[in-house]
N, C-alpha and C. Protein backbone atom coordinates (compact mmCIF):
# COMPACT_ATOMS: atom_id res chain seq x y z
N UNK A 1 19.71 73.22 -114.55
CA UNK A 1 18.59 73.80 -114.05
C UNK A 1 18.81 74.41 -112.62
N UNK A 2 18.42 75.57 -112.30
CA UNK A 2 18.69 76.16 -111.13
C UNK A 2 17.51 76.94 -110.56
N UNK A 3 17.51 77.32 -109.28
CA UNK A 3 16.42 78.02 -108.63
C UNK A 3 16.91 79.29 -108.04
N UNK A 4 16.11 80.31 -107.98
CA UNK A 4 16.47 81.60 -107.47
C UNK A 4 16.52 81.45 -105.95
N UNK A 5 15.75 80.59 -105.40
CA UNK A 5 15.72 80.40 -103.98
C UNK A 5 15.73 78.80 -103.78
N UNK A 6 15.91 78.33 -102.62
CA UNK A 6 15.91 76.90 -102.29
C UNK A 6 14.51 76.40 -102.21
N UNK A 7 14.46 75.09 -102.57
CA UNK A 7 13.15 74.33 -102.33
C UNK A 7 13.38 73.56 -101.13
N UNK A 8 12.42 73.79 -100.02
CA UNK A 8 12.73 73.22 -98.75
C UNK A 8 11.79 72.17 -98.57
N UNK A 9 12.35 70.98 -98.16
CA UNK A 9 11.60 69.72 -97.89
C UNK A 9 11.90 69.31 -96.41
N UNK A 10 10.82 68.99 -95.69
CA UNK A 10 10.82 68.44 -94.30
C UNK A 10 10.11 67.13 -94.27
N UNK A 11 10.92 66.14 -93.93
CA UNK A 11 10.46 64.77 -93.87
C UNK A 11 10.52 64.31 -92.39
N UNK A 12 9.40 63.75 -91.89
CA UNK A 12 9.34 63.32 -90.60
C UNK A 12 8.57 61.93 -90.47
N UNK A 13 9.13 61.07 -89.55
CA UNK A 13 8.44 59.77 -89.28
C UNK A 13 8.95 59.32 -88.00
N UNK A 14 8.82 57.91 -87.74
CA UNK A 14 9.32 57.35 -86.57
C UNK A 14 10.42 56.31 -87.01
N UNK A 15 11.14 55.82 -86.20
CA UNK A 15 12.23 54.92 -86.51
C UNK A 15 11.76 53.67 -87.27
N UNK A 16 12.46 53.39 -88.34
CA UNK A 16 12.06 52.22 -89.16
C UNK A 16 11.27 52.56 -90.30
N UNK A 17 10.82 53.77 -90.52
CA UNK A 17 9.89 54.08 -91.61
C UNK A 17 10.67 54.53 -93.01
N UNK A 18 11.95 54.65 -92.79
CA UNK A 18 12.69 54.97 -93.97
C UNK A 18 12.78 56.51 -94.32
N UNK A 19 12.70 57.29 -93.29
CA UNK A 19 12.83 58.72 -93.44
C UNK A 19 14.11 59.15 -93.96
N UNK A 20 15.18 58.74 -93.41
CA UNK A 20 16.50 59.10 -94.01
C UNK A 20 16.77 58.51 -95.29
N UNK A 21 16.37 57.35 -95.53
CA UNK A 21 16.56 56.61 -96.90
C UNK A 21 15.84 57.51 -97.90
N UNK A 22 14.59 57.91 -97.70
CA UNK A 22 13.86 58.75 -98.69
C UNK A 22 14.54 60.04 -98.87
N UNK A 23 15.08 60.73 -97.93
CA UNK A 23 15.83 61.95 -98.05
C UNK A 23 17.13 61.71 -98.93
N UNK A 24 17.70 60.62 -98.75
CA UNK A 24 18.99 60.31 -99.41
C UNK A 24 18.64 60.01 -100.97
N UNK A 25 17.57 59.38 -101.22
CA UNK A 25 17.10 59.15 -102.64
C UNK A 25 16.79 60.51 -103.26
N UNK A 26 16.12 61.39 -102.59
CA UNK A 26 15.80 62.74 -103.13
C UNK A 26 17.11 63.56 -103.41
N UNK A 27 17.94 63.56 -102.39
CA UNK A 27 19.20 64.29 -102.31
C UNK A 27 20.10 63.83 -103.46
N UNK A 28 20.40 62.57 -103.63
CA UNK A 28 21.24 62.13 -104.70
C UNK A 28 20.67 62.33 -106.12
N UNK A 29 19.40 62.21 -106.24
CA UNK A 29 18.74 62.45 -107.49
C UNK A 29 18.85 63.95 -107.87
N UNK A 30 18.78 64.79 -106.88
CA UNK A 30 18.89 66.25 -107.12
C UNK A 30 20.30 66.68 -107.51
N UNK A 31 21.31 66.01 -106.88
CA UNK A 31 22.61 66.19 -107.30
C UNK A 31 22.97 65.76 -108.65
N UNK A 32 22.38 64.60 -109.01
CA UNK A 32 22.49 64.06 -110.32
C UNK A 32 21.93 65.03 -111.43
N UNK A 33 20.96 65.71 -110.95
CA UNK A 33 20.36 66.75 -111.88
C UNK A 33 21.20 68.09 -111.90
N UNK A 34 22.22 68.08 -111.08
CA UNK A 34 23.13 69.19 -111.09
C UNK A 34 22.67 70.39 -110.14
N UNK A 35 21.79 70.06 -109.19
CA UNK A 35 21.33 70.94 -108.19
C UNK A 35 22.09 70.82 -106.93
N UNK A 36 22.30 71.97 -106.27
CA UNK A 36 22.95 72.05 -104.92
C UNK A 36 21.92 71.40 -103.86
N UNK A 37 22.54 70.65 -102.98
CA UNK A 37 21.74 70.07 -101.91
C UNK A 37 22.35 70.02 -100.59
N UNK A 38 21.68 70.54 -99.58
CA UNK A 38 22.19 70.39 -98.18
C UNK A 38 21.11 69.59 -97.40
N UNK A 39 21.65 68.80 -96.42
CA UNK A 39 20.66 67.92 -95.81
C UNK A 39 21.05 67.75 -94.27
N UNK A 40 20.16 67.61 -93.42
CA UNK A 40 20.36 67.36 -92.04
C UNK A 40 19.47 66.27 -91.56
N UNK A 41 20.08 65.63 -90.54
CA UNK A 41 19.27 64.48 -89.95
C UNK A 41 19.14 64.66 -88.34
N UNK A 42 17.95 64.44 -87.88
CA UNK A 42 17.78 64.41 -86.45
C UNK A 42 17.20 63.08 -86.02
N UNK A 43 18.01 62.35 -85.26
CA UNK A 43 17.49 61.00 -84.84
C UNK A 43 16.95 61.09 -83.42
N UNK A 44 15.74 60.70 -83.18
CA UNK A 44 15.24 60.43 -81.85
C UNK A 44 15.49 59.15 -81.30
N UNK A 45 14.70 58.62 -80.59
CA UNK A 45 14.93 57.21 -80.06
C UNK A 45 14.48 56.24 -81.22
N UNK A 46 15.17 56.21 -82.30
CA UNK A 46 14.71 55.53 -83.44
C UNK A 46 14.35 54.07 -83.15
N UNK A 47 15.22 53.41 -82.39
CA UNK A 47 15.00 52.03 -82.11
C UNK A 47 13.83 51.71 -81.33
N UNK A 48 13.20 52.73 -80.58
CA UNK A 48 12.00 52.54 -79.92
C UNK A 48 10.83 53.23 -80.52
N UNK A 49 10.93 53.55 -81.85
CA UNK A 49 9.87 54.24 -82.52
C UNK A 49 9.81 55.73 -82.33
N UNK A 50 11.03 56.34 -81.94
CA UNK A 50 11.08 57.80 -81.71
C UNK A 50 11.06 58.54 -83.03
N UNK A 51 10.93 59.81 -82.92
CA UNK A 51 10.79 60.66 -84.06
C UNK A 51 12.13 60.76 -84.84
N UNK A 52 12.11 60.79 -86.15
CA UNK A 52 13.20 60.90 -87.04
C UNK A 52 12.81 61.97 -88.08
N UNK A 53 13.70 63.05 -88.15
CA UNK A 53 13.39 64.19 -88.97
C UNK A 53 14.62 64.27 -89.86
N UNK A 54 14.24 64.55 -91.19
CA UNK A 54 15.33 64.92 -92.10
C UNK A 54 14.87 66.23 -92.86
N UNK A 55 15.73 67.21 -92.99
CA UNK A 55 15.45 68.42 -93.72
C UNK A 55 16.39 68.59 -94.89
N UNK A 56 15.89 68.96 -96.04
CA UNK A 56 16.70 69.26 -97.22
C UNK A 56 16.36 70.63 -97.80
N UNK A 57 17.38 71.17 -98.42
CA UNK A 57 17.26 72.40 -99.21
C UNK A 57 17.86 72.03 -100.66
N UNK A 58 17.05 72.21 -101.61
CA UNK A 58 17.55 71.97 -103.01
C UNK A 58 17.69 73.29 -103.56
N UNK A 59 18.89 73.70 -104.20
CA UNK A 59 19.01 74.98 -104.82
C UNK A 59 19.89 75.73 -103.91
N UNK A 60 19.63 77.09 -103.87
CA UNK A 60 20.47 77.93 -103.06
C UNK A 60 20.19 77.75 -101.47
N UNK A 61 21.29 77.73 -100.76
CA UNK A 61 21.23 77.59 -99.35
C UNK A 61 22.30 76.88 -98.57
N UNK A 62 22.83 77.42 -97.57
CA UNK A 62 23.95 76.90 -96.92
C UNK A 62 23.61 76.02 -95.75
N UNK A 63 22.47 76.34 -95.15
CA UNK A 63 21.97 75.63 -93.97
C UNK A 63 20.77 74.73 -94.53
N UNK A 64 20.77 73.46 -94.05
CA UNK A 64 19.69 72.62 -94.43
C UNK A 64 18.33 72.89 -93.65
N UNK A 65 18.49 73.56 -92.59
CA UNK A 65 17.31 73.77 -91.73
C UNK A 65 16.31 74.62 -92.34
N UNK A 66 15.08 74.26 -92.24
CA UNK A 66 13.91 75.05 -92.70
C UNK A 66 13.59 76.15 -91.79
N UNK A 67 13.52 77.39 -92.38
CA UNK A 67 13.11 78.55 -91.56
C UNK A 67 11.76 78.44 -91.21
N UNK A 68 11.28 79.23 -90.09
CA UNK A 68 9.88 79.09 -89.70
C UNK A 68 8.89 79.43 -90.77
N UNK A 69 7.89 78.54 -91.04
CA UNK A 69 6.80 78.85 -91.97
C UNK A 69 7.21 79.00 -93.40
N UNK A 70 8.35 78.19 -93.69
CA UNK A 70 8.89 78.27 -95.09
C UNK A 70 8.97 77.02 -95.86
N UNK A 71 8.62 75.88 -95.24
CA UNK A 71 8.80 74.67 -96.10
C UNK A 71 7.92 74.62 -97.35
N UNK A 72 8.48 74.14 -98.35
CA UNK A 72 7.71 73.96 -99.63
C UNK A 72 7.04 72.67 -99.53
N UNK A 73 7.51 71.67 -98.90
CA UNK A 73 6.94 70.35 -98.94
C UNK A 73 7.18 69.68 -97.59
N UNK A 74 6.18 69.03 -97.11
CA UNK A 74 6.31 68.23 -95.82
C UNK A 74 5.88 66.79 -96.11
N UNK A 75 6.57 65.91 -95.85
CA UNK A 75 6.20 64.44 -96.03
C UNK A 75 6.15 63.89 -94.62
N UNK A 76 4.99 63.43 -94.18
CA UNK A 76 4.92 62.80 -92.84
C UNK A 76 4.47 61.30 -92.92
N UNK A 77 5.30 60.42 -92.48
CA UNK A 77 5.11 59.13 -92.69
C UNK A 77 4.19 58.59 -91.59
N UNK A 78 3.95 59.33 -90.54
CA UNK A 78 3.01 58.98 -89.36
C UNK A 78 2.29 60.21 -89.08
N UNK A 79 0.93 60.18 -89.04
CA UNK A 79 0.06 61.32 -88.97
C UNK A 79 0.19 62.28 -87.73
N UNK A 80 0.44 61.63 -86.61
CA UNK A 80 0.58 62.41 -85.36
C UNK A 80 1.93 63.24 -85.30
N UNK A 81 2.85 62.77 -86.14
CA UNK A 81 4.08 63.56 -86.23
C UNK A 81 3.88 64.96 -86.89
N UNK A 82 2.74 65.06 -87.65
CA UNK A 82 2.48 66.38 -88.24
C UNK A 82 2.47 67.53 -87.17
N UNK A 83 2.07 67.19 -85.91
CA UNK A 83 2.07 68.19 -84.95
C UNK A 83 3.44 68.77 -84.57
N UNK A 84 4.43 68.11 -84.93
CA UNK A 84 5.81 68.66 -84.83
C UNK A 84 6.30 69.57 -85.92
N UNK A 85 5.37 69.70 -86.93
CA UNK A 85 5.83 70.41 -88.06
C UNK A 85 5.22 71.77 -88.00
N UNK A 86 4.43 72.06 -87.11
CA UNK A 86 3.56 73.32 -87.22
C UNK A 86 4.45 74.53 -87.45
N UNK A 87 5.64 74.72 -86.93
CA UNK A 87 6.45 75.85 -87.04
C UNK A 87 7.03 76.07 -88.46
N UNK A 88 7.03 74.98 -89.26
CA UNK A 88 7.67 75.07 -90.62
C UNK A 88 6.55 75.24 -91.74
N UNK A 89 5.31 75.03 -91.37
CA UNK A 89 4.20 75.07 -92.34
C UNK A 89 3.90 76.55 -92.61
N UNK A 90 3.93 76.95 -93.96
CA UNK A 90 3.52 78.29 -94.40
C UNK A 90 2.30 78.14 -95.22
N UNK A 91 1.84 79.25 -95.72
CA UNK A 91 0.62 79.31 -96.39
C UNK A 91 0.62 78.56 -97.68
N UNK A 92 1.82 78.27 -98.34
CA UNK A 92 1.94 77.68 -99.64
C UNK A 92 2.50 76.22 -99.45
N UNK A 93 2.72 75.80 -98.22
CA UNK A 93 3.33 74.42 -98.04
C UNK A 93 2.47 73.26 -98.42
N UNK A 94 3.01 72.35 -99.25
CA UNK A 94 2.30 71.21 -99.61
C UNK A 94 2.56 70.13 -98.50
N UNK A 95 1.58 69.50 -98.02
CA UNK A 95 1.72 68.42 -97.05
C UNK A 95 1.12 67.11 -97.50
N UNK A 96 2.03 66.11 -97.45
CA UNK A 96 1.49 64.75 -97.77
C UNK A 96 1.83 63.88 -96.60
N UNK A 97 0.81 63.26 -96.07
CA UNK A 97 0.85 62.46 -94.82
C UNK A 97 0.17 61.12 -94.97
N UNK A 98 0.83 60.11 -94.42
CA UNK A 98 0.21 58.81 -94.39
C UNK A 98 -0.99 58.96 -93.27
N UNK A 99 -2.10 58.21 -93.51
CA UNK A 99 -3.18 58.23 -92.61
C UNK A 99 -3.10 57.09 -91.52
N UNK A 100 -2.01 56.25 -91.72
CA UNK A 100 -1.89 54.99 -90.75
C UNK A 100 -1.11 55.43 -89.61
N UNK A 101 -1.78 55.29 -88.46
CA UNK A 101 -1.04 55.51 -87.13
C UNK A 101 -0.12 54.38 -86.67
N UNK A 102 1.04 54.86 -86.12
CA UNK A 102 1.89 53.87 -85.39
C UNK A 102 1.79 54.22 -83.94
N UNK A 103 1.16 53.36 -83.18
CA UNK A 103 0.81 53.73 -81.72
C UNK A 103 2.20 53.60 -80.94
N UNK A 104 2.56 54.69 -80.23
CA UNK A 104 3.66 54.82 -79.35
C UNK A 104 3.46 53.87 -78.15
N UNK A 105 4.58 53.45 -77.65
CA UNK A 105 4.52 52.51 -76.41
C UNK A 105 3.88 53.23 -75.36
N UNK A 106 4.02 54.56 -75.22
CA UNK A 106 3.37 55.24 -74.09
C UNK A 106 1.89 55.14 -74.13
N UNK A 107 1.31 54.97 -75.34
CA UNK A 107 -0.20 54.82 -75.40
C UNK A 107 -0.54 53.45 -75.03
N UNK A 108 0.31 52.51 -75.56
CA UNK A 108 0.03 51.04 -75.22
C UNK A 108 0.15 50.82 -73.76
N UNK A 109 1.03 51.63 -73.06
CA UNK A 109 1.07 51.41 -71.61
C UNK A 109 0.01 52.20 -70.84
N UNK A 110 -0.92 53.02 -71.56
CA UNK A 110 -1.78 53.86 -70.97
C UNK A 110 -1.27 55.12 -70.34
N UNK A 111 -0.10 55.52 -70.68
CA UNK A 111 0.47 56.83 -70.19
C UNK A 111 -0.11 58.01 -70.86
N UNK A 112 -0.31 57.76 -72.19
CA UNK A 112 -0.81 58.90 -73.01
C UNK A 112 -1.92 58.37 -73.93
N UNK A 113 -2.57 59.27 -74.71
CA UNK A 113 -3.51 58.91 -75.62
C UNK A 113 -3.12 59.42 -76.97
N UNK A 114 -3.52 58.68 -77.93
CA UNK A 114 -3.12 58.99 -79.32
C UNK A 114 -4.26 59.76 -80.00
N UNK A 115 -4.05 60.95 -80.49
CA UNK A 115 -5.14 61.83 -81.03
C UNK A 115 -5.60 61.15 -82.42
N UNK A 116 -6.86 61.24 -82.65
CA UNK A 116 -7.43 60.86 -83.99
C UNK A 116 -7.07 61.86 -84.95
N UNK A 117 -7.23 61.54 -86.31
CA UNK A 117 -6.80 62.40 -87.29
C UNK A 117 -7.59 63.73 -87.34
N UNK A 118 -8.81 63.78 -86.92
CA UNK A 118 -9.63 65.04 -86.76
C UNK A 118 -9.05 65.92 -85.74
N UNK A 119 -8.50 65.37 -84.69
CA UNK A 119 -7.95 66.18 -83.63
C UNK A 119 -6.55 66.83 -84.17
N UNK A 120 -5.88 65.97 -84.83
CA UNK A 120 -4.60 66.41 -85.40
C UNK A 120 -4.85 67.62 -86.34
N UNK A 121 -5.85 67.49 -87.31
CA UNK A 121 -6.08 68.59 -88.27
C UNK A 121 -6.59 69.75 -87.46
N UNK A 122 -7.44 69.53 -86.36
CA UNK A 122 -7.93 70.69 -85.69
C UNK A 122 -6.74 71.59 -85.00
N UNK A 123 -5.76 70.80 -84.49
CA UNK A 123 -4.65 71.43 -83.79
C UNK A 123 -3.75 72.19 -84.85
N UNK A 124 -3.72 71.72 -86.05
CA UNK A 124 -2.96 72.35 -87.09
C UNK A 124 -3.69 73.69 -87.43
N UNK A 125 -5.05 73.68 -87.30
CA UNK A 125 -5.81 74.89 -87.61
C UNK A 125 -5.77 75.20 -89.08
N UNK A 126 -5.59 76.51 -89.45
CA UNK A 126 -5.68 76.95 -90.83
C UNK A 126 -4.49 76.59 -91.65
N UNK A 127 -3.46 75.84 -91.02
CA UNK A 127 -2.30 75.44 -91.68
C UNK A 127 -2.44 74.13 -92.60
N UNK A 128 -3.66 73.76 -92.81
CA UNK A 128 -3.92 72.50 -93.50
C UNK A 128 -4.49 72.65 -94.79
N UNK A 129 -4.39 73.88 -95.44
CA UNK A 129 -5.02 74.09 -96.69
C UNK A 129 -4.64 73.07 -97.77
N UNK A 130 -3.25 72.77 -97.72
CA UNK A 130 -2.68 71.94 -98.72
C UNK A 130 -2.37 70.56 -98.21
N UNK A 131 -3.09 70.04 -97.12
CA UNK A 131 -2.83 68.79 -96.54
C UNK A 131 -3.63 67.70 -97.30
N UNK A 132 -2.83 66.68 -97.77
CA UNK A 132 -3.45 65.49 -98.43
C UNK A 132 -3.11 64.31 -97.74
N UNK A 133 -4.03 63.51 -97.20
CA UNK A 133 -3.79 62.19 -96.52
C UNK A 133 -3.86 61.15 -97.46
N UNK A 134 -2.87 60.18 -97.43
CA UNK A 134 -2.82 59.12 -98.37
C UNK A 134 -2.72 57.82 -97.51
N UNK A 135 -3.52 56.83 -97.98
CA UNK A 135 -3.46 55.45 -97.28
C UNK A 135 -2.20 54.68 -97.77
N UNK A 136 -1.06 55.18 -97.37
CA UNK A 136 0.11 54.69 -97.95
C UNK A 136 0.42 53.20 -97.59
N UNK A 137 -0.11 52.70 -96.41
CA UNK A 137 0.13 51.34 -96.12
C UNK A 137 -0.66 50.40 -97.01
N UNK A 138 -1.86 50.90 -97.33
CA UNK A 138 -2.70 50.03 -98.28
C UNK A 138 -2.19 49.92 -99.58
N UNK A 139 -1.68 51.00 -100.10
CA UNK A 139 -1.10 51.12 -101.42
C UNK A 139 0.23 50.32 -101.39
N UNK A 140 0.98 50.33 -100.35
CA UNK A 140 2.27 49.63 -100.23
C UNK A 140 2.00 48.10 -100.32
N UNK A 141 0.92 47.67 -99.59
CA UNK A 141 0.60 46.26 -99.51
C UNK A 141 0.21 45.78 -100.99
N UNK A 142 -0.60 46.70 -101.68
CA UNK A 142 -0.83 46.38 -103.12
C UNK A 142 0.36 46.31 -104.05
N UNK A 143 1.42 47.16 -103.72
CA UNK A 143 2.55 47.13 -104.48
C UNK A 143 3.42 45.93 -104.15
N UNK A 144 3.17 45.21 -102.98
CA UNK A 144 3.98 44.05 -102.81
C UNK A 144 4.41 43.83 -101.27
N UNK A 145 4.60 45.00 -100.57
CA UNK A 145 5.05 44.97 -99.14
C UNK A 145 4.76 46.32 -98.53
N UNK A 146 4.22 46.14 -97.23
CA UNK A 146 4.01 47.38 -96.44
C UNK A 146 5.20 48.31 -96.28
N UNK A 147 6.43 47.65 -96.30
CA UNK A 147 7.58 48.32 -96.03
C UNK A 147 7.84 49.37 -97.11
N UNK A 148 7.19 49.38 -98.24
CA UNK A 148 7.37 50.44 -99.17
C UNK A 148 6.50 51.65 -99.05
N UNK A 149 5.91 51.82 -97.87
CA UNK A 149 4.92 52.97 -97.68
C UNK A 149 5.70 54.23 -97.90
N UNK A 150 6.90 54.30 -97.46
CA UNK A 150 7.69 55.58 -97.55
C UNK A 150 7.80 55.89 -99.10
N UNK A 151 8.07 54.90 -99.91
CA UNK A 151 8.22 55.14 -101.30
C UNK A 151 6.88 55.60 -102.03
N UNK A 152 5.73 55.03 -101.46
CA UNK A 152 4.41 55.53 -101.92
C UNK A 152 4.42 57.08 -101.60
N UNK A 153 4.70 57.49 -100.41
CA UNK A 153 4.74 58.90 -100.20
C UNK A 153 5.61 59.74 -101.07
N UNK A 154 6.88 59.16 -101.33
CA UNK A 154 7.81 59.72 -102.23
C UNK A 154 7.10 59.92 -103.54
N UNK A 155 6.57 58.86 -104.14
CA UNK A 155 5.86 58.97 -105.42
C UNK A 155 4.77 60.10 -105.37
N UNK A 156 4.02 60.14 -104.41
CA UNK A 156 3.02 61.27 -104.32
C UNK A 156 3.83 62.68 -104.46
N UNK A 157 4.88 62.72 -103.73
CA UNK A 157 5.65 64.00 -103.76
C UNK A 157 6.03 64.43 -105.10
N UNK A 158 6.35 63.44 -105.92
CA UNK A 158 6.75 63.79 -107.27
C UNK A 158 5.73 64.42 -108.08
N UNK A 159 4.46 64.15 -107.65
CA UNK A 159 3.30 64.82 -108.42
C UNK A 159 2.97 66.14 -107.85
N UNK A 160 3.58 66.63 -106.83
CA UNK A 160 3.31 67.88 -106.33
C UNK A 160 3.68 68.96 -107.31
N UNK A 161 3.06 70.15 -107.41
CA UNK A 161 3.48 71.27 -108.25
C UNK A 161 4.86 71.80 -107.74
N UNK A 162 5.68 72.15 -108.65
CA UNK A 162 6.99 72.69 -108.35
C UNK A 162 8.04 71.77 -107.93
N UNK A 163 7.71 70.38 -107.73
CA UNK A 163 8.78 69.54 -107.17
C UNK A 163 10.00 69.53 -108.08
N UNK A 164 11.17 69.86 -107.60
CA UNK A 164 12.27 70.27 -108.42
C UNK A 164 13.12 69.10 -109.12
N UNK A 165 12.86 67.90 -108.76
CA UNK A 165 13.70 66.82 -109.16
C UNK A 165 12.99 65.88 -110.17
N UNK A 166 13.63 65.55 -111.16
CA UNK A 166 12.95 64.76 -112.31
C UNK A 166 12.66 63.33 -111.80
N UNK A 167 11.56 62.94 -112.24
CA UNK A 167 11.11 61.52 -111.87
C UNK A 167 12.02 60.55 -112.27
N UNK A 168 12.60 60.58 -113.48
CA UNK A 168 13.48 59.41 -113.87
C UNK A 168 14.76 59.48 -113.07
N UNK A 169 15.19 60.57 -112.62
CA UNK A 169 16.36 60.55 -111.74
C UNK A 169 16.04 60.09 -110.30
N UNK A 170 14.88 60.29 -109.82
CA UNK A 170 14.47 59.69 -108.51
C UNK A 170 14.45 58.21 -108.63
N UNK A 171 13.97 57.67 -109.77
CA UNK A 171 13.86 56.15 -109.95
C UNK A 171 15.24 55.71 -110.11
N UNK A 172 16.18 56.37 -110.71
CA UNK A 172 17.60 55.87 -110.74
C UNK A 172 18.30 55.94 -109.46
N UNK A 173 18.05 57.06 -108.61
CA UNK A 173 18.47 57.05 -107.33
C UNK A 173 17.97 55.89 -106.42
N UNK A 174 16.72 55.66 -106.67
CA UNK A 174 16.00 54.57 -105.91
C UNK A 174 16.71 53.30 -106.11
N UNK A 175 17.15 52.99 -107.47
CA UNK A 175 17.76 51.78 -107.83
C UNK A 175 19.17 51.61 -107.19
N UNK A 176 19.81 52.79 -106.97
CA UNK A 176 21.22 52.81 -106.31
C UNK A 176 21.19 52.68 -104.86
N UNK A 177 19.91 52.97 -104.23
CA UNK A 177 19.93 53.04 -102.83
C UNK A 177 19.14 51.93 -102.06
N UNK A 178 18.53 51.04 -102.92
CA UNK A 178 17.69 50.09 -102.36
C UNK A 178 18.18 48.69 -102.78
N UNK A 179 17.95 47.59 -102.07
CA UNK A 179 18.39 46.22 -102.53
C UNK A 179 17.94 45.96 -103.83
N UNK A 180 18.67 45.26 -104.66
CA UNK A 180 18.30 44.96 -106.04
C UNK A 180 16.98 44.15 -106.05
N UNK A 181 16.79 43.17 -105.11
CA UNK A 181 15.63 42.35 -105.11
C UNK A 181 14.32 43.05 -104.94
N UNK A 182 14.42 44.24 -104.42
CA UNK A 182 13.22 45.03 -104.07
C UNK A 182 12.87 46.22 -105.03
N UNK A 183 13.73 46.25 -106.06
CA UNK A 183 13.61 47.52 -106.98
C UNK A 183 12.26 47.53 -107.74
N UNK A 184 11.85 46.37 -108.29
CA UNK A 184 10.53 46.40 -109.09
C UNK A 184 9.42 46.75 -108.15
N UNK A 185 9.46 46.19 -106.93
CA UNK A 185 8.35 46.45 -105.92
C UNK A 185 8.35 47.92 -105.55
N UNK A 186 9.48 48.46 -105.33
CA UNK A 186 9.47 49.96 -104.92
C UNK A 186 9.11 50.89 -106.03
N UNK A 187 9.59 50.53 -107.22
CA UNK A 187 9.11 51.35 -108.47
C UNK A 187 7.60 51.19 -108.62
N UNK A 188 7.16 50.08 -108.32
CA UNK A 188 5.65 49.91 -108.47
C UNK A 188 5.03 50.93 -107.35
N UNK A 189 5.46 50.89 -106.12
CA UNK A 189 4.93 51.64 -105.07
C UNK A 189 5.07 53.16 -105.34
N UNK A 190 6.28 53.56 -106.04
CA UNK A 190 6.44 54.92 -106.36
C UNK A 190 5.40 55.37 -107.40
N UNK A 191 5.19 54.54 -108.39
CA UNK A 191 4.21 54.82 -109.50
C UNK A 191 2.84 54.87 -108.95
N UNK A 192 2.38 54.00 -107.98
CA UNK A 192 1.15 53.94 -107.38
C UNK A 192 0.94 55.20 -106.50
N UNK A 193 1.85 55.66 -105.69
CA UNK A 193 1.84 56.95 -105.02
C UNK A 193 1.66 58.17 -105.94
N UNK A 194 2.34 58.11 -106.99
CA UNK A 194 2.37 59.16 -107.91
C UNK A 194 0.96 59.31 -108.49
N UNK A 195 0.40 58.32 -108.81
CA UNK A 195 -0.89 58.16 -109.60
C UNK A 195 -1.98 58.58 -108.51
N UNK A 196 -1.79 58.22 -107.19
CA UNK A 196 -2.76 58.54 -106.26
C UNK A 196 -2.84 60.09 -106.03
N UNK A 197 -1.73 60.65 -105.96
CA UNK A 197 -1.66 62.06 -105.73
C UNK A 197 -2.14 62.78 -106.96
N UNK A 198 -1.76 62.33 -108.12
CA UNK A 198 -2.30 63.01 -109.35
C UNK A 198 -3.83 62.88 -109.45
N UNK A 199 -4.42 61.81 -108.96
CA UNK A 199 -5.89 61.77 -108.95
C UNK A 199 -6.47 62.72 -107.99
N UNK A 200 -5.82 62.90 -106.84
CA UNK A 200 -6.33 63.95 -105.86
C UNK A 200 -6.27 65.29 -106.49
N UNK A 201 -5.17 65.71 -107.28
CA UNK A 201 -5.19 66.96 -107.87
C UNK A 201 -6.09 67.15 -108.88
N UNK A 202 -6.61 66.13 -109.58
CA UNK A 202 -7.48 66.20 -110.66
C UNK A 202 -9.04 66.04 -110.18
């Protein structure tokens, strides 16, 4: 299976949310499908809850970096981090974001204020036509552990139109990249995220 152009994915979160692991699962599944993959990682102050960004291109493409306004899919594990994606959101970009905030230490210290989700959407303006917020933490808890919230978002991504990687290969890659004792729980989280987004589309 091949694509005339690359499918561009932009994944953003904060340290400890599994941003890079999620990208690895997608990338290795795509390669198992015979697709070309290029990937980049940008680490912020991850140990202090700083921003972590991973960009992938699946299909044609030498550079992993998303051109301006060209992302096909954005996965945001923390809602305020959406504000950092504004330059890669195009009119056809699908955006899936967790609605659960992780409060930065600067807010806890009173140095800054955390915007509510309505403020975030307002700042994004007309770029949110295809934005879907998911209560990933709640679903992850139901699946067995809040730590699987990134996999819930990944499951939702699988249900988006035009997602280029087969679901069974994502599951196989998940098995290869996560601890054996957590596989059943993560597959459950994946399936619940997939169903959640499928329900939104319907």
